[in-house]
Amino acid sequence: MTLQQQRLDITDRVTGKLCDTGFQLYLENDPIGQVTFTPNGNEFELKSGFEQNGSKIYQQVHVPTKPDMKYVDCDDENGWC
């Protein structure tokens, strides 16, 4: 089994809390960065592993590329895997 890096769209799961200069951004109650309002537009400062592109926010995650063969052919009737 190998791990492959993948970019997930998490925009719908991100929430914001208004602060003096913009918004603090959270993913499931964990802070991931902030958006600052400036005269030239909004500036995003996100933690490592997160990125913004247009109106979307993405998270970089590692996902398995092939299933681990020892868990693929399970015998549910006899209770072993």
Protein backbone atom coordinates (compact mmCIF):
# COMPACT_ATOMS: atom_id res chain seq x y z
CA MET A 1 0.00 0.00 0.00
CA THR A 2 1.29 3.45 -0.86
CA LEU A 3 0.02 6.89 0.09
CA GLN A 4 -0.80 9.51 -2.50
CA GLN A 5 -1.21 13.20 -1.77
CA GLN A 6 -4.62 14.52 -2.75
CA ARG A 7 -6.30 17.93 -2.57
CA LEU A 8 -9.80 17.90 -1.05
CA ASP A 9 -12.33 20.72 -1.39
CA ILE A 10 -13.35 21.52 2.21
CA THR A 11 -15.08 24.84 1.48
CA ASP A 12 -18.49 23.69 2.75
CA ARG A 13 -16.98 22.48 6.04
CA VAL A 14 -15.09 25.71 6.87
CA THR A 15 -16.67 28.16 9.31
CA GLY A 16 -15.60 31.68 10.21
CA LYS A 17 -15.68 33.82 13.32
CA LEU A 18 -15.69 37.59 12.85
CA CYS A 19 -12.73 39.44 14.41
CA ASP A 20 -11.45 43.03 14.21
CA THR A 21 -9.57 42.65 10.93
CA GLY A 22 -11.56 39.91 9.16
CA PHE A 23 -12.47 36.30 9.92
CA GLN A 24 -10.79 33.49 11.84
CA LEU A 25 -11.31 30.26 9.86
CA TYR A 26 -12.08 26.87 11.43
CA LEU A 27 -12.43 23.30 10.21
CA GLU A 28 -14.52 21.32 12.71
CA ASN A 29 -13.57 23.68 15.59
CA ASP A 30 -9.84 23.55 14.71
CA PRO A 31 -8.35 26.89 13.61
CA ILE A 32 -6.89 26.73 10.10
CA GLY A 33 -6.16 30.39 9.36
CA GLN A 34 -7.66 33.78 8.81
CA VAL A 35 -8.98 36.14 6.16
CA THR A 36 -7.91 39.77 6.55
CA PHE A 37 -9.85 42.60 4.92
CA THR A 38 -7.58 45.09 3.13
CA PRO A 39 -8.24 47.99 0.74
CA ASN A 40 -6.73 45.86 -2.05
CA GLY A 41 -8.97 42.86 -1.34
CA ASN A 42 -9.02 39.93 1.06
CA GLU A 43 -5.79 38.24 2.14
CA PHE A 44 -5.82 34.59 3.20
CA GLU A 45 -3.28 33.26 5.72
CA LEU A 46 -3.76 29.50 6.08
CA LYS A 47 -1.89 26.88 8.05
CA SER A 48 0.38 24.43 6.28
CA GLY A 49 -1.64 21.78 4.43
CA PHE A 50 -4.43 24.21 3.48
CA GLU A 51 -4.71 26.46 0.44
CA GLN A 52 -7.16 28.90 -1.06
CA ASN A 53 -7.94 29.23 -4.76
CA GLY A 54 -10.66 31.68 -5.78
CA SER A 55 -13.63 31.12 -3.50
CA LYS A 56 -12.57 27.57 -2.55
CA ILE A 57 -10.47 26.24 0.35
CA TYR A 58 -8.57 22.97 -0.04
CA GLN A 59 -6.81 20.59 2.34
CA GLN A 60 -3.85 18.42 1.32
CA VAL A 61 -4.32 14.85 2.63
CA HIS A 62 -2.63 11.49 2.08
CA VAL A 63 -4.88 8.67 0.89
CA PRO A 64 -4.00 5.01 0.21
CA THR A 65 -3.68 4.17 -3.49
CA LYS A 66 -4.21 0.41 -3.18
CA PRO A 67 -6.18 -1.42 -0.49
CA ASP A 68 -4.18 -3.49 1.94
CA MET A 69 -4.67 -7.03 0.61
CA LYS A 70 -4.92 -8.64 4.07
CA TYR A 71 -8.22 -6.79 4.61
CA VAL A 72 -9.77 -7.26 1.17
CA ASP A 73 -10.93 -10.89 1.21
CA CYS A 74 -12.72 -11.21 4.53
CA ASP A 75 -14.96 -14.17 5.40
CA ASP A 76 -17.81 -12.52 7.28
CA GLU A 77 -19.69 -15.81 7.77
CA ASN A 78 -16.86 -17.45 9.73
CA GLY A 79 -15.74 -14.26 11.47
CA TRP A 80 -12.16 -14.02 10.23
CA CYS A 81 -10.36 -11.62 8.01
